[in-house]
PDB file of N, CA and C in Angstrom:
ATOM      1  N   MET A   1     141.237 107.581 151.840  1.00  0.00           N
ATOM      2  CA  MET A   1     141.420 108.809 152.586  1.00  0.00           C
ATOM      3  C   MET A   1     141.693 108.467 154.041  1.00  0.00           C
ATOM      4  N   ASN A   2     142.670 109.103 154.618  1.00  0.00           N
ATOM      5  CA  ASN A   2     142.999 108.873 156.024  1.00  0.00           C
ATOM      6  C   ASN A   2     142.206 109.817 156.910  1.00  0.00           C
ATOM      7  N   PHE A   3     141.712 109.284 158.004  1.00  0.00           N
ATOM      8  CA  PHE A   3     140.971 110.075 158.970  1.00  0.00           C
ATOM      9  C   PHE A   3     141.758 110.083 160.272  1.00  0.00           C
ATOM     10  N   SER A   4     141.640 111.170 161.004  1.00  0.00           N
ATOM     11  CA  SER A   4     142.410 111.269 162.248  1.00  0.00           C
ATOM     12  C   SER A   4     141.577 110.860 163.463  1.00  0.00           C
ATOM     13  N   GLY A   5     140.705 109.892 163.302  1.00  0.00           N
ATOM     14  CA  GLY A   5     139.904 109.392 164.411  1.00  0.00           C
ATOM     15  C   GLY A   5     138.462 109.201 164.003  1.00  0.00           C
ATOM     16  N   ASP A   6     137.743 108.363 164.740  1.00  0.00           N
ATOM     17  CA  ASP A   6     136.352 108.072 164.418  1.00  0.00           C
ATOM     18  C   ASP A   6     135.461 109.297 164.504  1.00  0.00           C
ATOM     19  N   THR A   7     135.683 110.134 165.510  1.00  0.00           N
ATOM     20  CA  THR A   7     134.864 111.325 165.685  1.00  0.00           C
ATOM     21  C   THR A   7     135.004 112.237 164.480  1.00  0.00           C
ATOM     22  N   ASP A   8     136.226 112.495 164.074  1.00  0.00           N
ATOM     23  CA  ASP A   8     136.453 113.340 162.905  1.00  0.00           C
ATOM     24  C   ASP A   8     135.805 112.736 161.662  1.00  0.00           C
ATOM     25  N   ARG A   9     135.933 111.437 161.503  1.00  0.00           N
ATOM     26  CA  ARG A   9     135.382 110.776 160.324  1.00  0.00           C
ATOM     27  C   ARG A   9     133.873 110.924 160.277  1.00  0.00           C
ATOM     28  N   SER A  10     133.198 110.754 161.389  1.00  0.00           N
ATOM     29  CA  SER A  10     131.740 110.853 161.386  1.00  0.00           C
ATOM     30  C   SER A  10     131.289 112.265 161.021  1.00  0.00           C
ATOM     31  N   ILE A  11     132.008 113.263 161.481  1.00  0.00           N
ATOM     32  CA  ILE A  11     131.663 114.651 161.149  1.00  0.00           C
ATOM     33  C   ILE A  11     131.920 114.925 159.669  1.00  0.00           C
ATOM     34  N   ILE A  12     133.054 114.454 159.167  1.00  0.00           N
ATOM     35  CA  ILE A  12     133.382 114.650 157.749  1.00  0.00           C
ATOM     36  C   ILE A  12     132.349 113.964 156.856  1.00  0.00           C
ATOM     37  N   LEU A  13     132.006 112.723 157.188  1.00  0.00           N
ATOM     38  CA  LEU A  13     131.021 111.990 156.395  1.00  0.00           C
ATOM     39  C   LEU A  13     129.647 112.661 156.462  1.00  0.00           C
ATOM     40  N   GLY A  14     129.257 113.078 157.658  1.00  0.00           N
ATOM     41  CA  GLY A  14     127.973 113.756 157.820  1.00  0.00           C
ATOM     42  C   GLY A  14     127.905 115.040 157.024  1.00  0.00           C
ATOM     43  N   GLN A  15     128.974 115.816 157.074  1.00  0.00           N
ATOM     44  CA  GLN A  15     129.008 117.074 156.325  1.00  0.00           C
ATOM     45  C   GLN A  15     128.967 116.811 154.822  1.00  0.00           C
ATOM     46  N   TYR A  16     129.635 115.759 154.378  1.00  0.00           N
ATOM     47  CA  TYR A  16     129.636 115.404 152.963  1.00  0.00           C
ATOM     48  C   TYR A  16     128.224 115.045 152.497  1.00  0.00           C
ATOM     49  N   ILE A  17     127.512 114.273 153.311  1.00  0.00           N
ATOM     50  CA  ILE A  17     126.142 113.885 152.958  1.00  0.00           C
ATOM     51  C   ILE A  17     125.243 115.111 152.881  1.00  0.00           C
ATOM     52  N   VAL A  18     125.385 116.020 153.828  1.00  0.00           N
ATOM     53  CA  VAL A  18     124.564 117.236 153.832  1.00  0.00           C
ATOM     54  C   VAL A  18     124.907 118.127 152.633  1.00  0.00           C
ATOM     55  N   ASP A  19     126.190 118.328 152.385  1.00  0.00           N
ATOM     56  CA  ASP A  19     126.608 119.200 151.285  1.00  0.00           C
ATOM     57  C   ASP A  19     126.176 118.678 149.922  1.00  0.00           C
ATOM     58  N   ASN A  20     126.244 117.362 149.742  1.00  0.00           N
ATOM     59  CA  ASN A  20     125.955 116.767 148.438  1.00  0.00           C
ATOM     60  C   ASN A  20     124.584 116.109 148.343  1.00  0.00           C
ATOM     61  N   LYS A  21     123.866 116.071 149.468  1.00  0.00           N
ATOM     62  CA  LYS A  21     122.555 115.411 149.529  1.00  0.00           C
ATOM     63  C   LYS A  21     122.621 114.031 148.876  1.00  0.00           C
ATOM     64  N   CYS A  22     123.642 113.284 149.255  1.00  0.00           N
ATOM     65  CA  CYS A  22     123.888 111.994 148.630  1.00  0.00           C
ATOM     66  C   CYS A  22     123.437 110.838 149.518  1.00  0.00           C
ATOM     67  N   THR A  23     123.482 109.667 148.950  1.00  0.00           N
ATOM     68  CA  THR A  23     123.121 108.457 149.673  1.00  0.00           C
ATOM     69  C   THR A  23     124.334 107.940 150.447  1.00  0.00           C
ATOM     70  N   VAL A  24     124.074 106.995 151.338  1.00  0.00           N
ATOM     71  CA  VAL A  24     125.157 106.347 152.079  1.00  0.00           C
ATOM     72  C   VAL A  24     126.095 105.660 151.094  1.00  0.00           C
ATOM     73  N   ARG A  25     125.522 105.026 150.087  1.00  0.00           N
ATOM     74  CA  ARG A  25     126.326 104.319 149.082  1.00  0.00           C
ATOM     75  C   ARG A  25     127.258 105.268 148.345  1.00  0.00           C
ATOM     76  N   ALA A  26     126.739 106.421 147.928  1.00  0.00           N
ATOM     77  CA  ALA A  26     127.568 107.398 147.212  1.00  0.00           C
ATOM     78  C   ALA A  26     128.666 107.956 148.112  1.00  0.00           C
ATOM     79  N   CYS A  27     128.339 108.189 149.362  1.00  0.00           N
ATOM     80  CA  CYS A  27     129.327 108.685 150.323  1.00  0.00           C
ATOM     81  C   CYS A  27     130.425 107.648 150.542  1.00  0.00           C
ATOM     82  N   ALA A  28     130.033 106.402 150.705  1.00  0.00           N
ATOM     83  CA  ALA A  28     131.005 105.328 150.917  1.00  0.00           C
ATOM     84  C   ALA A  28     131.942 105.207 149.716  1.00  0.00           C
ATOM     85  N   LYS A  29     131.381 105.309 148.542  1.00  0.00           N
ATOM     86  CA  LYS A  29     132.192 105.212 147.324  1.00  0.00           C
ATOM     87  C   LYS A  29     133.171 106.384 147.232  1.00  0.00           C
ATOM     88  N   ALA A  30     132.715 107.574 147.565  1.00  0.00           N
ATOM     89  CA  ALA A  30     133.563 108.770 147.489  1.00  0.00           C
ATOM     90  C   ALA A  30     134.756 108.683 148.444  1.00  0.00           C
ATOM     91  N   PHE A  31     134.551 108.058 149.610  1.00  0.00           N
ATOM     92  CA  PHE A  31     135.609 107.981 150.608  1.00  0.00           C
ATOM     93  C   PHE A  31     136.338 106.639 150.615  1.00  0.00           C
ATOM     94  N   GLY A  32     135.880 105.704 149.792  1.00  0.00           N
ATOM     95  CA  GLY A  32     136.544 104.410 149.702  1.00  0.00           C
ATOM     96  C   GLY A  32     136.408 103.552 150.949  1.00  0.00           C
ATOM     97  N   ILE A  33     135.253 103.650 151.605  1.00  0.00           N
ATOM     98  CA  ILE A  33     134.982 102.836 152.792  1.00  0.00           C
ATOM     99  C   ILE A  33     133.642 102.119 152.596  1.00  0.00           C
ATOM    100  N   SER A  34     133.304 101.214 153.494  1.00  0.00           N
ATOM    101  CA  SER A  34     132.080 100.435 153.322  1.00  0.00           C
ATOM    102  C   SER A  34     130.835 101.239 153.702  1.00  0.00           C
ATOM    103  N   LYS A  35     129.699 100.812 153.137  1.00  0.00           N
ATOM    104  CA  LYS A  35     128.418 101.444 153.470  1.00  0.00           C
ATOM    105  C   LYS A  35     128.107 101.265 154.955  1.00  0.00           C
ATOM    106  N   SER A  36     128.477 100.113 155.486  1.00  0.00           N
ATOM    107  CA  SER A  36     128.221  99.837 156.913  1.00  0.00           C
ATOM    108  C   SER A  36     128.955 100.833 157.800  1.00  0.00           C
ATOM    109  N   THR A  37     130.191 101.134 157.429  1.00  0.00           N
ATOM    110  CA  THR A  37     130.987 102.086 158.208  1.00  0.00           C
ATOM    111  C   THR A  37     130.362 103.474 158.157  1.00  0.00           C
ATOM    112  N   VAL A  38     129.977 103.900 156.967  1.00  0.00           N
ATOM    113  CA  VAL A  38     129.348 105.224 156.824  1.00  0.00           C
ATOM    114  C   VAL A  38     128.072 105.267 157.649  1.00  0.00           C
ATOM    115  N   HIS A  39     127.242 104.249 157.498  1.00  0.00           N
ATOM    116  CA  HIS A  39     125.961 104.255 158.204  1.00  0.00           C
ATOM    117  C   HIS A  39     126.150 104.270 159.718  1.00  0.00           C
ATOM    118  N   LYS A  40     127.073 103.479 160.221  1.00  0.00           N
ATOM    119  CA  LYS A  40     127.319 103.441 161.665  1.00  0.00           C
ATOM    120  C   LYS A  40     127.844 104.791 162.163  1.00  0.00           C
ATOM    121  N   ASP A  41     128.757 105.382 161.396  1.00  0.00           N
ATOM    122  CA  ASP A  41     129.314 106.674 161.794  1.00  0.00           C
ATOM    123  C   ASP A  41     128.253 107.765 161.835  1.00  0.00           C
ATOM    124  N   VAL A  42     127.429 107.851 160.796  1.00  0.00           N
ATOM    125  CA  VAL A  42     126.477 108.968 160.742  1.00  0.00           C
ATOM    126  C   VAL A  42     125.205 108.711 161.534  1.00  0.00           C
ATOM    127  N   SER A  43     124.917 107.459 161.862  1.00  0.00           N
ATOM    128  CA  SER A  43     123.691 107.208 162.623  1.00  0.00           C
ATOM    129  C   SER A  43     123.931 107.032 164.116  1.00  0.00           C
ATOM    130  N   GLU A  44     125.127 106.600 164.507  1.00  0.00           N
ATOM    131  CA  GLU A  44     125.390 106.395 165.929  1.00  0.00           C
ATOM    132  C   GLU A  44     126.395 107.409 166.486  1.00  0.00           C
ATOM    133  N   LYS A  45     127.558 107.462 165.895  1.00  0.00           N
ATOM    134  CA  LYS A  45     128.627 108.312 166.431  1.00  0.00           C
ATOM    135  C   LYS A  45     128.325 109.796 166.262  1.00  0.00           C
ATOM    136  N   LEU A  46     127.764 110.147 165.123  1.00  0.00           N
ATOM    137  CA  LEU A  46     127.483 111.561 164.858  1.00  0.00           C
ATOM    138  C   LEU A  46     126.429 112.111 165.818  1.00  0.00           C
ATOM    139  N   GLN A  47     125.478 111.270 166.192  1.00  0.00           N
ATOM    140  CA  GLN A  47     124.426 111.702 167.118  1.00  0.00           C
ATOM    141  C   GLN A  47     125.016 112.138 168.457  1.00  0.00           C
ATOM    142  N   LYS A  48     126.091 111.503 168.871  1.00  0.00           N
ATOM    143  CA  LYS A  48     126.722 111.838 170.148  1.00  0.00           C
ATOM    144  C   LYS A  48     127.658 113.043 170.040  1.00  0.00           C
ATOM    145  N   THR A  49     128.306 113.175 168.888  1.00  0.00           N
ATOM    146  CA  THR A  49     129.318 114.228 168.769  1.00  0.00           C
ATOM    147  C   THR A  49     128.767 115.550 168.252  1.00  0.00           C
ATOM    148  N   LYS A  50     127.867 115.493 167.275  1.00  0.00           N
ATOM    149  CA  LYS A  50     127.301 116.721 166.695  1.00  0.00           C
ATOM    150  C   LYS A  50     125.814 116.505 166.440  1.00  0.00           C
ATOM    151  N   PRO A  51     124.973 116.658 167.454  1.00  0.00           N
ATOM    152  CA  PRO A  51     123.540 116.381 167.315  1.00  0.00           C
ATOM    153  C   PRO A  51     122.848 117.197 166.218  1.00  0.00           C
ATOM    154  N   GLN A  52     123.249 118.441 166.032  1.00  0.00           N
ATOM    155  CA  GLN A  52     122.605 119.271 165.019  1.00  0.00           C
ATOM    156  C   GLN A  52     122.894 118.743 163.610  1.00  0.00           C
ATOM    157  N   LEU A  53     124.139 118.385 163.350  1.00  0.00           N
ATOM    158  CA  LEU A  53     124.509 117.815 162.061  1.00  0.00           C
ATOM    159  C   LEU A  53     123.814 116.470 161.865  1.00  0.00           C
ATOM    160  N   TYR A  54     123.710 115.697 162.930  1.00  0.00           N
ATOM    161  CA  TYR A  54     123.017 114.414 162.866  1.00  0.00           C
ATOM    162  C   TYR A  54     121.572 114.593 162.395  1.00  0.00           C
ATOM    163  N   LYS A  55     120.891 115.618 162.898  1.00  0.00           N
ATOM    164  CA  LYS A  55     119.500 115.871 162.502  1.00  0.00           C
ATOM    165  C   LYS A  55     119.397 116.174 161.009  1.00  0.00           C
ATOM    166  N   GLU A  56     120.337 116.945 160.501  1.00  0.00           N
ATOM    167  CA  GLU A  56     120.342 117.269 159.071  1.00  0.00           C
ATOM    168  C   GLU A  56     120.595 116.020 158.230  1.00  0.00           C
ATOM    169  N   VAL A  57     121.554 115.220 158.662  1.00  0.00           N
ATOM    170  CA  VAL A  57     121.881 113.981 157.942  1.00  0.00           C
ATOM    171  C   VAL A  57     120.688 113.035 157.982  1.00  0.00           C
ATOM    172  N   LYS A  58     120.046 112.914 159.130  1.00  0.00           N
ATOM    173  CA  LYS A  58     118.901 112.016 159.277  1.00  0.00           C
ATOM    174  C   LYS A  58     117.780 112.397 158.321  1.00  0.00           C
ATOM    175  N   LYS A  59     117.533 113.679 158.138  1.00  0.00           N
ATOM    176  CA  LYS A  59     116.497 114.124 157.196  1.00  0.00           C
ATOM    177  C   LYS A  59     116.814 113.639 155.786  1.00  0.00           C
ATOM    178  N   ILE A  60     118.059 113.786 155.388  1.00  0.00           N
ATOM    179  CA  ILE A  60     118.468 113.372 154.044  1.00  0.00           C
ATOM    180  C   ILE A  60     118.371 111.857 153.899  1.00  0.00           C
ATOM    181  N   LEU A  61     118.847 111.117 154.895  1.00  0.00           N
ATOM    182  CA  LEU A  61     118.790 109.655 154.822  1.00  0.00           C
ATOM    183  C   LEU A  61     117.348 109.147 154.839  1.00  0.00           C
ATOM    184  N   ASP A  62     116.488 109.783 155.617  1.00  0.00           N
ATOM    185  CA  ASP A  62     115.072 109.399 155.638  1.00  0.00           C
ATOM    186  C   ASP A  62     114.418 109.671 154.285  1.00  0.00           C
ATOM    187  N   PHE A  63     114.765 110.791 153.661  1.00  0.00           N
ATOM    188  CA  PHE A  63     114.238 111.105 152.331  1.00  0.00           C
ATOM    189  C   PHE A  63     114.699 110.058 151.326  1.00  0.00           C
ATOM    190  N   ASN A  64     116.002 109.730 151.365  1.00  0.00           N
ATOM    191  CA  ASN A  64     116.535 108.719 150.450  1.00  0.00           C
ATOM    192  C   ASN A  64     115.852 107.374 150.649  1.00  0.00           C
ATOM    193  N   LYS A  65     115.586 107.037 151.896  1.00  0.00           N
ATOM    194  CA  LYS A  65     114.924 105.762 152.191  1.00  0.00           C
ATOM    195  C   LYS A  65     113.495 105.763 151.653  1.00  0.00           C
ATOM    196  N   SER A  66     112.804 106.887 151.783  1.00  0.00           N
ATOM    197  CA  SER A  66     111.427 106.961 151.305  1.00  0.00           C
ATOM    198  C   SER A  66     111.361 106.896 149.777  1.00  0.00           C
ATOM    199  N   GLU A  67     112.435 107.277 149.125  1.00  0.00           N
ATOM    200  CA  GLU A  67     112.478 107.296 147.664  1.00  0.00           C
ATOM    201  C   GLU A  67     113.101 106.032 147.078  1.00  0.00           C
ATOM    202  N   ARG A  68     113.627 105.186 147.916  1.00  0.00           N
ATOM    203  CA  ARG A  68     114.389 104.011 147.472  1.00  0.00           C
ATOM    204  C   ARG A  68     113.591 103.109 146.537  1.00  0.00           C
ATOM    205  N   HIS A  69     112.338 102.844 146.855  1.00  0.00           N
ATOM    206  CA  HIS A  69     111.544 101.945 146.014  1.00  0.00           C
ATOM    207  C   HIS A  69     111.295 102.534 144.629  1.00  0.00           C
ATOM    208  N   ILE A  70     111.228 103.848 144.553  1.00  0.00           N
ATOM    209  CA  ILE A  70     111.035 104.509 143.255  1.00  0.00           C
ATOM    210  C   ILE A  70     112.300 104.381 142.410  1.00  0.00           C
ATOM    211  N   ARG A  71     113.454 104.610 143.030  1.00  0.00           N
ATOM    212  CA  ARG A  71     114.723 104.482 142.308  1.00  0.00           C
ATOM    213  C   ARG A  71     114.921 103.061 141.800  1.00  0.00           C
ATOM    214  N   GLY A  72     114.593 102.089 142.629  1.00  0.00           N
ATOM    215  CA  GLY A  72     114.730 100.690 142.222  1.00  0.00           C
ATOM    216  C   GLY A  72     113.824 100.359 141.052  1.00  0.00           C
ATOM    217  N   GLY A  73     112.618 100.860 141.094  1.00  0.00           N
ATOM    218  CA  GLY A  73     111.669 100.630 139.994  1.00  0.00           C
ATOM    219  C   GLY A  73     112.140 101.266 138.700  1.00  0.00           C
ATOM    220  N   MET A  74     112.687 102.461 138.802  1.00  0.00           N
ATOM    221  CA  MET A  74     113.200 103.148 137.609  1.00  0.00           C
ATOM    222  C   MET A  74     114.405 102.413 137.031  1.00  0.00           C
ATOM    223  N   ALA A  75     115.256 101.899 137.886  1.00  0.00           N
ATOM    224  CA  ALA A  75     116.436 101.157 137.424  1.00  0.00           C
ATOM    225  C   ALA A  75     116.005  99.884 136.696  1.00  0.00           C
ATOM    226  N   THR A  76     115.010  99.203 137.241  1.00  0.00           N
ATOM    227  CA  THR A  76     114.511  97.987 136.606  1.00  0.00           C
ATOM    228  C   THR A  76     113.870  98.310 135.263  1.00  0.00           C
ATOM    229  N   LYS A  77     113.090  99.361 135.225  1.00  0.00           N
ATOM    230  CA  LYS A  77     112.443  99.787 133.973  1.00  0.00           C
ATOM    231  C   LYS A  77     113.495 100.093 132.913  1.00  0.00           C
ATOM    232  N   HIS A  78     114.506 100.824 133.310  1.00  0.00           N
ATOM    233  CA  HIS A  78     115.585 101.192 132.388  1.00  0.00           C
ATOM    234  C   HIS A  78     116.305  99.943 131.869  1.00  0.00           C
ATOM    235  N   LYS A  79     116.536  98.993 132.746  1.00  0.00           N
ATOM    236  CA  LYS A  79     117.228  97.751 132.381  1.00  0.00           C
ATOM    237  C   LYS A  79     116.453  97.020 131.285  1.00  0.00           C
ATOM    238  N   TYR A  80     115.153  96.869 131.456  1.00  0.00           N
ATOM    239  CA  TYR A  80     114.360  96.131 130.486  1.00  0.00           C
ATOM    240  C   TYR A  80     114.164  96.912 129.189  1.00  0.00           C
ATOM    241  N   GLU A  81     114.126  98.234 129.270  1.00  0.00           N
ATOM    242  CA  GLU A  81     114.072  99.040 128.049  1.00  0.00           C
ATOM    243  C   GLU A  81     115.344  98.853 127.228  1.00  0.00           C
ATOM    244  N   GLU A  82     116.483  98.819 127.907  1.00  0.00           N
ATOM    245  CA  GLU A  82     117.769  98.594 127.225  1.00  0.00           C
ATOM    246  C   GLU A  82     117.785  97.221 126.565  1.00  0.00           C
ATOM    247  N   GLN A  83     117.312  96.215 127.286  1.00  0.00           N
ATOM    248  CA  GLN A  83     117.289  94.871 126.723  1.00  0.00           C
ATOM    249  C   GLN A  83     116.381  94.795 125.496  1.00  0.00           C
ATOM    250  N   LYS A  84     115.267  95.491 125.547  1.00  0.00           N
ATOM    251  CA  LYS A  84     114.336  95.511 124.423  1.00  0.00           C
ATOM    252  C   LYS A  84     114.974  96.188 123.210  1.00  0.00           C
ATOM    253  N   LEU A  85     115.664  97.298 123.434  1.00  0.00           N
ATOM    254  CA  LEU A  85     116.345  97.991 122.339  1.00  0.00           C
ATOM    255  C   LEU A  85     117.419  97.108 121.711  1.00  0.00           C
ATOM    256  N   LYS A  86     118.180  96.414 122.549  1.00  0.00           N
ATOM    257  CA  LYS A  86     119.215  95.501 122.045  1.00  0.00           C
ATOM    258  C   LYS A  86     118.595  94.400 121.200  1.00  0.00           C
ATOM    259  N   SER A  87     117.513  93.848 121.704  1.00  0.00           N
ATOM    260  CA  SER A  87     116.835  92.758 121.010  1.00  0.00           C
ATOM    261  C   SER A  87     116.297  93.231 119.660  1.00  0.00           C
ATOM    262  N   ASN A  88     115.711  94.422 119.637  1.00  0.00           N
ATOM    263  CA  ASN A  88     115.177  94.973 118.395  1.00  0.00           C
ATOM    264  C   ASN A  88     116.282  95.261 117.387  1.00  0.00           C
ATOM    265  N   SER A  89     117.405  95.783 117.836  1.00  0.00           N
ATOM    266  CA  SER A  89     118.493  96.106 116.912  1.00  0.00           C
ATOM    267  C   SER A  89     119.115  94.830 116.346  1.00  0.00           C
ATOM    268  N   GLN A  90     119.167  93.764 117.135  1.00  0.00           N
ATOM    269  CA  GLN A  90     119.693  92.489 116.655  1.00  0.00           C
ATOM    270  C   GLN A  90     118.739  91.872 115.634  1.00  0.00           C
ATOM    271  N   SER A  91     117.439  92.037 115.849  1.00  0.00           N
ATOM    272  CA  SER A  91     116.444  91.515 114.911  1.00  0.00           C
ATOM    273  C   SER A  91     116.536  92.247 113.578  1.00  0.00           C
ATOM    274  N   ASN A  92     116.739  93.547 113.610  1.00  0.00           N
ATOM    275  CA  ASN A  92     116.851  94.343 112.391  1.00  0.00           C
ATOM    276  C   ASN A  92     118.101  94.004 111.603  1.00  0.00           C
ATOM    277  N   GLU A  93     119.181  93.641 112.291  1.00  0.00           N
ATOM    278  CA  GLU A  93     120.431  93.286 111.632  1.00  0.00           C
ATOM    279  C   GLU A  93     120.305  91.959 110.892  1.00  0.00           C
ATOM    280  N   GLN A  94     119.452  91.081 111.386  1.00  0.00           N
ATOM    281  CA  GLN A  94     119.289  89.765 110.765  1.00  0.00           C
ATOM    282  C   GLN A  94     118.471  89.830 109.495  1.00  0.00           C
ATOM    283  N   ILE A  95     117.659  90.857 109.352  1.00  0.00           N
ATOM    284  CA  ILE A  95     116.777  90.979 108.175  1.00  0.00           C
ATOM    285  C   ILE A  95     117.508  91.404 106.945  1.00  0.00           C
TER     286      ILE A  95
END
């Protein structure tokens, strides 16, 4: 996606995060840019250009950060459950 300047991009990214309550990673993927770029735009540039939007984005990013360890734990749990199911189905096929 083409942006018409850094200021515009930070506002667009910030609004996207607020509208979708998404993570920096999801926002970066949606716009085809790096997580570093999204984070820099919404944490530094947005604060200077649109302070009110920055506050909304910060709340969402802080929430995502506080929940990060839970998401990681769930992903790991899911991974090992899948491996266990695969292992069990392979054992049943051999019998």
